[in-house]
N, C-alpha and C. Protein backbone atom coordinates (compact mmCIF):
# COMPACT_ATOMS: atom_id res chain seq x y z
N UNK A 1 -81.08 -19.83 -50.90
CA UNK A 1 -80.94 -18.58 -50.15
C UNK A 1 -79.63 -17.90 -50.55
N UNK A 2 -79.70 -16.67 -51.01
CA UNK A 2 -78.51 -15.93 -51.40
C UNK A 2 -78.13 -14.95 -50.31
N UNK A 3 -77.14 -15.35 -49.53
CA UNK A 3 -76.64 -14.46 -48.49
C UNK A 3 -75.62 -13.52 -49.12
N UNK A 4 -75.76 -12.26 -48.84
CA UNK A 4 -74.81 -11.28 -49.36
C UNK A 4 -73.45 -11.51 -48.72
N UNK A 5 -72.43 -11.52 -49.53
CA UNK A 5 -71.07 -11.70 -49.03
C UNK A 5 -70.46 -10.31 -48.84
N UNK A 6 -70.06 -10.04 -47.63
CA UNK A 6 -69.50 -8.73 -47.32
C UNK A 6 -68.01 -8.73 -47.62
N UNK A 7 -67.55 -7.71 -48.32
CA UNK A 7 -66.13 -7.56 -48.60
C UNK A 7 -65.42 -7.22 -47.30
N UNK A 8 -64.35 -7.98 -46.98
CA UNK A 8 -63.64 -7.67 -45.73
C UNK A 8 -63.05 -6.27 -45.75
N UNK A 9 -63.25 -5.55 -44.67
CA UNK A 9 -62.68 -4.22 -44.52
C UNK A 9 -62.17 -4.07 -43.10
N UNK A 10 -61.00 -3.53 -42.96
CA UNK A 10 -60.41 -3.29 -41.65
C UNK A 10 -59.91 -1.85 -41.58
N UNK A 11 -59.97 -1.31 -40.40
CA UNK A 11 -59.35 -0.02 -40.14
C UNK A 11 -57.92 -0.30 -39.70
N UNK A 12 -56.98 0.42 -40.27
CA UNK A 12 -55.57 0.25 -39.93
C UNK A 12 -55.15 1.40 -39.04
N UNK A 13 -54.54 1.05 -37.92
CA UNK A 13 -54.05 2.06 -36.97
C UNK A 13 -52.64 1.67 -36.54
N UNK A 14 -51.95 2.62 -35.93
CA UNK A 14 -50.61 2.37 -35.41
C UNK A 14 -50.45 3.14 -34.11
N UNK A 15 -49.63 2.59 -33.23
CA UNK A 15 -49.32 3.26 -31.97
C UNK A 15 -47.83 3.10 -31.71
N UNK A 16 -47.33 3.93 -30.79
CA UNK A 16 -45.89 3.91 -30.51
C UNK A 16 -45.62 3.96 -29.02
N UNK A 17 -44.78 3.06 -28.57
CA UNK A 17 -44.26 3.15 -27.21
C UNK A 17 -43.00 4.01 -27.33
N UNK A 18 -43.14 5.28 -26.97
CA UNK A 18 -42.06 6.27 -27.14
C UNK A 18 -41.29 6.38 -25.83
N UNK A 19 -39.97 6.27 -25.93
CA UNK A 19 -39.10 6.45 -24.76
C UNK A 19 -38.22 7.68 -24.99
N UNK A 20 -37.97 8.41 -23.90
CA UNK A 20 -37.02 9.52 -23.98
C UNK A 20 -35.66 9.06 -23.47
N UNK A 21 -34.69 9.97 -23.42
CA UNK A 21 -33.33 9.61 -23.00
C UNK A 21 -33.25 9.16 -21.55
N UNK A 22 -34.26 9.50 -20.75
CA UNK A 22 -34.30 9.08 -19.35
C UNK A 22 -34.98 7.72 -19.17
N UNK A 23 -35.45 7.14 -20.28
CA UNK A 23 -36.15 5.86 -20.21
C UNK A 23 -37.61 5.98 -19.87
N UNK A 24 -38.12 7.22 -19.84
CA UNK A 24 -39.54 7.43 -19.53
C UNK A 24 -40.40 7.12 -20.75
N UNK A 25 -41.66 6.82 -20.48
CA UNK A 25 -42.63 6.46 -21.52
C UNK A 25 -43.59 7.64 -21.71
N UNK A 26 -43.91 7.93 -22.98
CA UNK A 26 -44.86 8.98 -23.31
C UNK A 26 -46.28 8.41 -23.25
N UNK A 27 -47.14 9.04 -22.44
CA UNK A 27 -48.55 8.67 -22.37
C UNK A 27 -49.42 9.86 -22.70
N UNK A 28 -50.54 9.59 -23.34
CA UNK A 28 -51.54 10.61 -23.62
C UNK A 28 -52.86 10.14 -23.02
N UNK A 29 -53.65 11.08 -22.53
CA UNK A 29 -54.97 10.73 -22.00
C UNK A 29 -56.03 11.11 -23.03
N UNK A 30 -56.83 10.13 -23.41
CA UNK A 30 -57.91 10.37 -24.36
C UNK A 30 -59.24 10.37 -23.61
N UNK A 31 -60.24 10.92 -24.24
CA UNK A 31 -61.56 10.99 -23.62
C UNK A 31 -62.22 9.61 -23.52
N UNK A 32 -61.96 8.74 -24.49
CA UNK A 32 -62.63 7.44 -24.54
C UNK A 32 -61.93 6.33 -23.76
N UNK A 33 -60.61 6.26 -23.86
CA UNK A 33 -59.90 5.11 -23.31
C UNK A 33 -58.99 5.45 -22.13
N UNK A 34 -58.96 6.69 -21.73
CA UNK A 34 -58.07 7.07 -20.64
C UNK A 34 -56.63 7.14 -21.11
N UNK A 35 -55.70 6.77 -20.24
CA UNK A 35 -54.28 6.85 -20.57
C UNK A 35 -53.87 5.74 -21.53
N UNK A 36 -53.06 6.12 -22.51
CA UNK A 36 -52.58 5.16 -23.51
C UNK A 36 -51.33 5.71 -24.18
N UNK A 37 -50.70 4.88 -24.99
CA UNK A 37 -49.59 5.37 -25.79
C UNK A 37 -50.17 6.06 -27.03
N UNK A 38 -49.46 7.04 -27.59
CA UNK A 38 -50.02 7.78 -28.72
C UNK A 38 -50.13 6.93 -29.98
N UNK A 39 -51.10 7.30 -30.81
CA UNK A 39 -51.30 6.61 -32.07
C UNK A 39 -52.68 6.89 -32.61
N UNK A 40 -53.00 6.25 -33.72
CA UNK A 40 -54.31 6.46 -34.30
C UNK A 40 -54.42 5.87 -35.68
N UNK A 41 -55.51 6.21 -36.33
CA UNK A 41 -55.83 5.66 -37.63
C UNK A 41 -54.90 6.19 -38.71
N UNK A 42 -54.48 5.29 -39.58
CA UNK A 42 -53.63 5.65 -40.72
C UNK A 42 -54.54 6.07 -41.87
N UNK A 43 -54.22 7.20 -42.47
CA UNK A 43 -55.05 7.74 -43.55
C UNK A 43 -54.78 6.99 -44.86
N UNK A 44 -55.74 7.00 -45.75
CA UNK A 44 -55.57 6.37 -47.06
C UNK A 44 -54.41 7.05 -47.79
N UNK A 45 -53.51 6.24 -48.34
CA UNK A 45 -52.35 6.75 -49.06
C UNK A 45 -51.17 7.07 -48.17
N UNK A 46 -51.30 6.87 -46.87
CA UNK A 46 -50.24 7.20 -45.91
C UNK A 46 -49.57 5.89 -45.48
N UNK A 47 -48.24 5.92 -45.33
CA UNK A 47 -47.55 4.73 -44.84
C UNK A 47 -47.77 4.61 -43.33
N UNK A 48 -47.57 3.42 -42.80
CA UNK A 48 -47.71 3.22 -41.35
C UNK A 48 -46.79 4.16 -40.58
N UNK A 49 -45.55 4.27 -41.03
CA UNK A 49 -44.55 5.09 -40.32
C UNK A 49 -44.92 6.57 -40.39
N UNK A 50 -45.23 7.06 -41.58
CA UNK A 50 -45.60 8.48 -41.71
C UNK A 50 -46.86 8.80 -40.91
N UNK A 51 -47.85 7.90 -40.98
CA UNK A 51 -49.09 8.12 -40.24
C UNK A 51 -48.86 8.11 -38.74
N UNK A 52 -48.01 7.21 -38.28
CA UNK A 52 -47.73 7.14 -36.86
C UNK A 52 -46.97 8.38 -36.38
N UNK A 53 -46.00 8.82 -37.14
CA UNK A 53 -45.29 10.06 -36.77
C UNK A 53 -46.26 11.24 -36.69
N UNK A 54 -47.18 11.31 -37.64
CA UNK A 54 -48.18 12.38 -37.66
C UNK A 54 -49.06 12.29 -36.42
N UNK A 55 -49.55 11.10 -36.11
CA UNK A 55 -50.42 10.91 -34.95
C UNK A 55 -49.71 11.29 -33.65
N UNK A 56 -48.46 10.85 -33.49
CA UNK A 56 -47.71 11.17 -32.26
C UNK A 56 -47.55 12.68 -32.14
N UNK A 57 -47.19 13.35 -33.23
CA UNK A 57 -47.02 14.80 -33.21
C UNK A 57 -48.35 15.50 -32.89
N UNK A 58 -49.44 15.08 -33.52
CA UNK A 58 -50.75 15.70 -33.27
C UNK A 58 -51.20 15.51 -31.82
N UNK A 59 -50.97 14.32 -31.28
CA UNK A 59 -51.48 14.00 -29.94
C UNK A 59 -50.59 14.48 -28.80
N UNK A 60 -49.29 14.70 -29.08
CA UNK A 60 -48.37 15.00 -27.98
C UNK A 60 -47.47 16.21 -28.18
N UNK A 61 -47.29 16.64 -29.42
CA UNK A 61 -46.40 17.77 -29.68
C UNK A 61 -44.95 17.38 -29.88
N UNK A 62 -44.63 16.08 -29.91
CA UNK A 62 -43.24 15.68 -30.06
C UNK A 62 -43.02 14.90 -31.36
N UNK A 63 -41.79 15.00 -31.83
CA UNK A 63 -41.38 14.25 -33.01
C UNK A 63 -40.59 13.05 -32.55
N UNK A 64 -40.76 11.93 -33.27
CA UNK A 64 -40.13 10.68 -32.86
C UNK A 64 -39.46 10.00 -34.04
N UNK A 65 -38.55 9.10 -33.69
CA UNK A 65 -37.95 8.19 -34.66
C UNK A 65 -38.56 6.83 -34.38
N UNK A 66 -39.19 6.25 -35.39
CA UNK A 66 -39.83 4.95 -35.24
C UNK A 66 -38.76 3.87 -35.45
N UNK A 67 -38.72 2.90 -34.55
CA UNK A 67 -37.77 1.81 -34.74
C UNK A 67 -38.52 0.55 -35.15
N UNK A 68 -38.58 -0.44 -34.30
CA UNK A 68 -39.09 -1.73 -34.75
C UNK A 68 -40.57 -1.96 -34.46
N UNK A 69 -41.18 -2.78 -35.31
CA UNK A 69 -42.52 -3.26 -35.06
C UNK A 69 -42.42 -4.30 -33.95
N UNK A 70 -43.15 -4.11 -32.86
CA UNK A 70 -43.02 -4.99 -31.70
C UNK A 70 -44.26 -5.82 -31.43
N UNK A 71 -45.43 -5.28 -31.74
CA UNK A 71 -46.67 -6.01 -31.45
C UNK A 71 -47.73 -5.65 -32.49
N UNK A 72 -48.67 -6.56 -32.63
CA UNK A 72 -49.78 -6.37 -33.55
C UNK A 72 -51.02 -6.88 -32.84
N UNK A 73 -52.07 -6.07 -32.84
CA UNK A 73 -53.30 -6.54 -32.21
C UNK A 73 -54.49 -6.28 -33.11
N UNK A 74 -55.47 -7.19 -33.01
CA UNK A 74 -56.69 -7.10 -33.80
C UNK A 74 -57.87 -6.97 -32.86
N UNK A 75 -58.60 -5.86 -32.98
CA UNK A 75 -59.84 -5.68 -32.26
C UNK A 75 -60.92 -6.28 -33.16
N UNK A 76 -61.35 -7.49 -32.84
CA UNK A 76 -62.31 -8.19 -33.68
C UNK A 76 -63.71 -7.57 -33.59
N UNK A 77 -63.99 -6.86 -32.52
CA UNK A 77 -65.29 -6.22 -32.35
C UNK A 77 -65.50 -5.11 -33.37
N UNK A 78 -64.45 -4.33 -33.61
CA UNK A 78 -64.60 -3.19 -34.52
C UNK A 78 -63.70 -3.27 -35.76
N UNK A 79 -63.10 -4.43 -36.01
CA UNK A 79 -62.27 -4.65 -37.21
C UNK A 79 -61.14 -3.65 -37.33
N UNK A 80 -60.47 -3.37 -36.22
CA UNK A 80 -59.30 -2.49 -36.23
C UNK A 80 -58.06 -3.33 -36.04
N UNK A 81 -57.07 -3.11 -36.89
CA UNK A 81 -55.77 -3.76 -36.76
C UNK A 81 -54.78 -2.68 -36.35
N UNK A 82 -54.10 -2.89 -35.22
CA UNK A 82 -53.20 -1.88 -34.67
C UNK A 82 -51.77 -2.41 -34.66
N UNK A 83 -50.89 -1.71 -35.36
CA UNK A 83 -49.47 -2.04 -35.39
C UNK A 83 -48.80 -1.21 -34.29
N UNK A 84 -48.09 -1.86 -33.39
CA UNK A 84 -47.45 -1.15 -32.28
C UNK A 84 -45.93 -1.17 -32.45
N UNK A 85 -45.36 0.01 -32.56
CA UNK A 85 -43.93 0.16 -32.79
C UNK A 85 -43.23 0.69 -31.54
N UNK A 86 -41.94 0.48 -31.47
CA UNK A 86 -41.11 1.17 -30.49
C UNK A 86 -40.64 2.45 -31.16
N UNK A 87 -40.44 3.50 -30.37
CA UNK A 87 -40.01 4.78 -30.93
C UNK A 87 -39.14 5.51 -29.91
N UNK A 88 -38.34 6.43 -30.44
CA UNK A 88 -37.45 7.24 -29.60
C UNK A 88 -37.80 8.71 -29.80
N UNK A 89 -37.90 9.42 -28.67
CA UNK A 89 -38.16 10.86 -28.69
C UNK A 89 -37.00 11.58 -29.39
N UNK A 90 -37.33 12.51 -30.28
CA UNK A 90 -36.31 13.32 -30.95
C UNK A 90 -36.33 14.76 -30.47
N UNK A 91 -37.50 15.41 -30.59
CA UNK A 91 -37.59 16.83 -30.27
C UNK A 91 -39.04 17.23 -30.02
N UNK A 92 -39.20 18.41 -29.43
CA UNK A 92 -40.53 18.96 -29.22
C UNK A 92 -40.90 19.02 -27.74
N UNK A 93 -41.87 19.87 -27.45
CA UNK A 93 -42.38 20.03 -26.09
C UNK A 93 -43.74 19.39 -25.99
N UNK A 94 -44.01 18.76 -24.85
CA UNK A 94 -45.32 18.14 -24.66
C UNK A 94 -46.41 19.20 -24.79
N UNK A 95 -47.43 18.86 -25.60
CA UNK A 95 -48.52 19.78 -25.86
C UNK A 95 -49.81 18.97 -26.00
N UNK A 96 -50.80 19.25 -25.14
CA UNK A 96 -52.08 18.55 -25.28
C UNK A 96 -52.81 19.00 -26.53
N UNK A 97 -53.84 18.23 -26.89
CA UNK A 97 -54.67 18.57 -28.05
C UNK A 97 -56.13 18.38 -27.66
N UNK A 98 -57.04 18.68 -28.57
CA UNK A 98 -58.46 18.46 -28.30
C UNK A 98 -58.73 16.99 -28.02
N UNK A 99 -58.03 16.12 -28.72
CA UNK A 99 -58.20 14.67 -28.58
C UNK A 99 -57.50 14.13 -27.33
N UNK A 100 -56.41 14.78 -26.94
CA UNK A 100 -55.60 14.32 -25.81
C UNK A 100 -55.35 15.48 -24.85
N UNK A 101 -56.25 15.68 -23.87
CA UNK A 101 -56.14 16.84 -22.98
C UNK A 101 -54.96 16.79 -22.00
N UNK A 102 -54.34 15.62 -21.84
CA UNK A 102 -53.16 15.52 -20.98
C UNK A 102 -52.10 14.66 -21.66
N UNK A 103 -50.85 15.08 -21.53
CA UNK A 103 -49.70 14.38 -22.11
C UNK A 103 -48.59 14.40 -21.07
N UNK A 104 -48.00 13.24 -20.78
CA UNK A 104 -46.97 13.16 -19.73
C UNK A 104 -45.87 12.17 -20.09
N UNK A 105 -44.71 12.40 -19.48
CA UNK A 105 -43.63 11.41 -19.46
C UNK A 105 -43.68 10.74 -18.09
N UNK A 106 -43.67 9.42 -18.06
CA UNK A 106 -43.71 8.70 -16.79
C UNK A 106 -42.75 7.50 -16.83
N UNK A 107 -42.43 7.00 -15.66
CA UNK A 107 -41.59 5.80 -15.60
C UNK A 107 -42.36 4.62 -16.20
N UNK A 108 -41.66 3.60 -16.68
CA UNK A 108 -42.35 2.42 -17.20
C UNK A 108 -43.32 1.81 -16.18
N UNK A 109 -42.91 1.77 -14.93
CA UNK A 109 -43.77 1.20 -13.89
C UNK A 109 -45.05 2.02 -13.72
N UNK A 110 -44.90 3.33 -13.72
CA UNK A 110 -46.05 4.22 -13.58
C UNK A 110 -46.97 4.11 -14.81
N UNK A 111 -46.40 3.96 -15.99
CA UNK A 111 -47.20 3.80 -17.20
C UNK A 111 -48.12 2.59 -17.06
N UNK A 112 -47.60 1.49 -16.56
CA UNK A 112 -48.42 0.28 -16.40
C UNK A 112 -49.53 0.49 -15.37
N UNK A 113 -49.29 1.33 -14.39
CA UNK A 113 -50.32 1.63 -13.39
C UNK A 113 -51.41 2.54 -13.96
N UNK A 114 -51.05 3.41 -14.89
CA UNK A 114 -52.00 4.42 -15.40
C UNK A 114 -52.90 3.90 -16.52
N UNK A 115 -52.43 2.94 -17.29
CA UNK A 115 -53.21 2.43 -18.43
C UNK A 115 -54.26 1.45 -17.91
N UNK A 116 -55.53 1.75 -18.18
CA UNK A 116 -56.61 0.90 -17.67
C UNK A 116 -57.27 0.04 -18.74
N UNK A 117 -57.13 0.38 -20.00
CA UNK A 117 -57.73 -0.40 -21.08
C UNK A 117 -56.94 -1.71 -21.23
N UNK A 118 -57.58 -2.88 -21.07
CA UNK A 118 -56.84 -4.14 -21.03
C UNK A 118 -56.04 -4.46 -22.29
N UNK A 119 -56.57 -4.17 -23.48
CA UNK A 119 -55.83 -4.47 -24.71
C UNK A 119 -54.61 -3.57 -24.86
N UNK A 120 -54.76 -2.30 -24.50
CA UNK A 120 -53.63 -1.36 -24.58
C UNK A 120 -52.57 -1.74 -23.55
N UNK A 121 -53.00 -2.06 -22.35
CA UNK A 121 -52.07 -2.48 -21.30
C UNK A 121 -51.30 -3.71 -21.73
N UNK A 122 -51.99 -4.71 -22.29
CA UNK A 122 -51.31 -5.92 -22.75
C UNK A 122 -50.29 -5.61 -23.83
N UNK A 123 -50.66 -4.73 -24.77
CA UNK A 123 -49.75 -4.36 -25.85
C UNK A 123 -48.50 -3.66 -25.31
N UNK A 124 -48.69 -2.74 -24.37
CA UNK A 124 -47.55 -2.03 -23.77
C UNK A 124 -46.66 -3.02 -23.01
N UNK A 125 -47.26 -3.95 -22.27
CA UNK A 125 -46.47 -4.95 -21.57
C UNK A 125 -45.71 -5.83 -22.56
N UNK A 126 -46.33 -6.18 -23.67
CA UNK A 126 -45.67 -6.97 -24.70
C UNK A 126 -44.44 -6.25 -25.25
N UNK A 127 -44.61 -4.96 -25.55
CA UNK A 127 -43.48 -4.19 -26.10
C UNK A 127 -42.38 -4.05 -25.05
N UNK A 128 -42.76 -3.76 -23.81
CA UNK A 128 -41.77 -3.61 -22.74
C UNK A 128 -40.99 -4.90 -22.48
N UNK A 129 -41.60 -6.04 -22.79
CA UNK A 129 -40.94 -7.32 -22.55
C UNK A 129 -39.70 -7.50 -23.42
N UNK A 130 -39.65 -6.76 -24.54
CA UNK A 130 -38.45 -6.74 -25.36
C UNK A 130 -38.22 -7.99 -26.19
N UNK A 131 -39.25 -8.75 -26.48
CA UNK A 131 -39.09 -9.94 -27.33
C UNK A 131 -38.61 -9.52 -28.71
N UNK A 132 -37.85 -10.37 -29.35
CA UNK A 132 -37.33 -10.03 -30.68
C UNK A 132 -38.35 -10.30 -31.78
N UNK A 133 -39.30 -11.19 -31.52
CA UNK A 133 -40.36 -11.46 -32.50
C UNK A 133 -41.57 -10.56 -32.22
N UNK A 134 -42.35 -10.32 -33.25
CA UNK A 134 -43.58 -9.55 -33.11
C UNK A 134 -44.61 -10.41 -32.37
N UNK A 135 -45.28 -9.83 -31.40
CA UNK A 135 -46.32 -10.52 -30.63
C UNK A 135 -47.67 -10.14 -31.21
N UNK A 136 -48.53 -11.14 -31.45
CA UNK A 136 -49.85 -10.89 -32.00
C UNK A 136 -50.92 -11.31 -31.00
N UNK A 137 -51.93 -10.46 -30.84
CA UNK A 137 -53.08 -10.79 -29.99
C UNK A 137 -54.35 -10.30 -30.69
N UNK A 138 -55.39 -11.15 -30.63
CA UNK A 138 -56.71 -10.78 -31.15
C UNK A 138 -57.68 -10.80 -29.98
N UNK A 139 -58.58 -9.82 -29.95
CA UNK A 139 -59.49 -9.70 -28.81
C UNK A 139 -60.83 -9.11 -29.22
N UNK A 140 -61.78 -9.25 -28.33
CA UNK A 140 -63.08 -8.59 -28.45
C UNK A 140 -63.24 -7.69 -27.23
N UNK A 141 -64.11 -6.69 -27.35
CA UNK A 141 -64.32 -5.77 -26.24
C UNK A 141 -65.78 -5.83 -25.76
N UNK A 142 -66.01 -5.26 -24.59
CA UNK A 142 -67.34 -5.14 -23.96
C UNK A 142 -67.99 -6.48 -23.66
N UNK A 143 -67.45 -7.32 -22.84
CA UNK A 143 -66.23 -7.14 -22.06
C UNK A 143 -65.00 -7.61 -22.85
N UNK A 144 -63.84 -7.19 -22.36
CA UNK A 144 -62.57 -7.60 -22.98
C UNK A 144 -62.42 -9.11 -22.90
N UNK A 145 -62.06 -9.71 -24.04
CA UNK A 145 -61.82 -11.13 -24.08
C UNK A 145 -60.71 -11.41 -25.08
N UNK A 146 -59.61 -11.99 -24.61
CA UNK A 146 -58.52 -12.38 -25.49
C UNK A 146 -58.97 -13.62 -26.25
N UNK A 147 -58.93 -13.56 -27.59
CA UNK A 147 -59.41 -14.64 -28.44
C UNK A 147 -58.27 -15.48 -28.96
N UNK A 148 -57.17 -14.82 -29.32
CA UNK A 148 -56.03 -15.53 -29.92
C UNK A 148 -54.76 -14.81 -29.52
N UNK A 149 -53.70 -15.58 -29.35
CA UNK A 149 -52.43 -14.99 -28.96
C UNK A 149 -51.30 -15.78 -29.57
N UNK A 150 -50.35 -15.06 -30.13
CA UNK A 150 -49.13 -15.69 -30.64
C UNK A 150 -47.96 -14.86 -30.13
N UNK A 151 -47.25 -15.45 -29.20
CA UNK A 151 -46.09 -14.79 -28.61
C UNK A 151 -44.91 -15.73 -28.67
N UNK A 152 -43.70 -15.19 -28.83
CA UNK A 152 -42.52 -16.06 -28.88
C UNK A 152 -42.38 -16.84 -27.58
N UNK A 153 -41.87 -18.03 -27.69
CA UNK A 153 -41.70 -18.87 -26.49
C UNK A 153 -40.44 -18.54 -25.75
């Protein structure tokens, strides 16, 4: 029996936990996942940092400085790998888009209350924890199930 071997393919995405000078967190509301931190798919030929800056600007209207990679998550259901960075607000006014009809600055506590998607919430909590090592989590969706986790001790 000759089973066809599928070439591994993953979608690469990045997101940013953006803080302003007041310590507030930038959240965007999407049609599919509700409130989340800004980010999205990285285009072919685009670096993670450039793609993430583009996504944040498109979704929120603000420009950011990307700092450290804080978390990495794998959605095993849809083969998406998401790099989550910390970022600092630089300039710009909040502006919704077709993809993100609402954009807000909120306290860290309020951000945790507003995010309902379990994988996104876990990622934001991981970044907020401030660990020096990158935290990795792999999960499946529908229903959400954490499959693998590597976090600093």
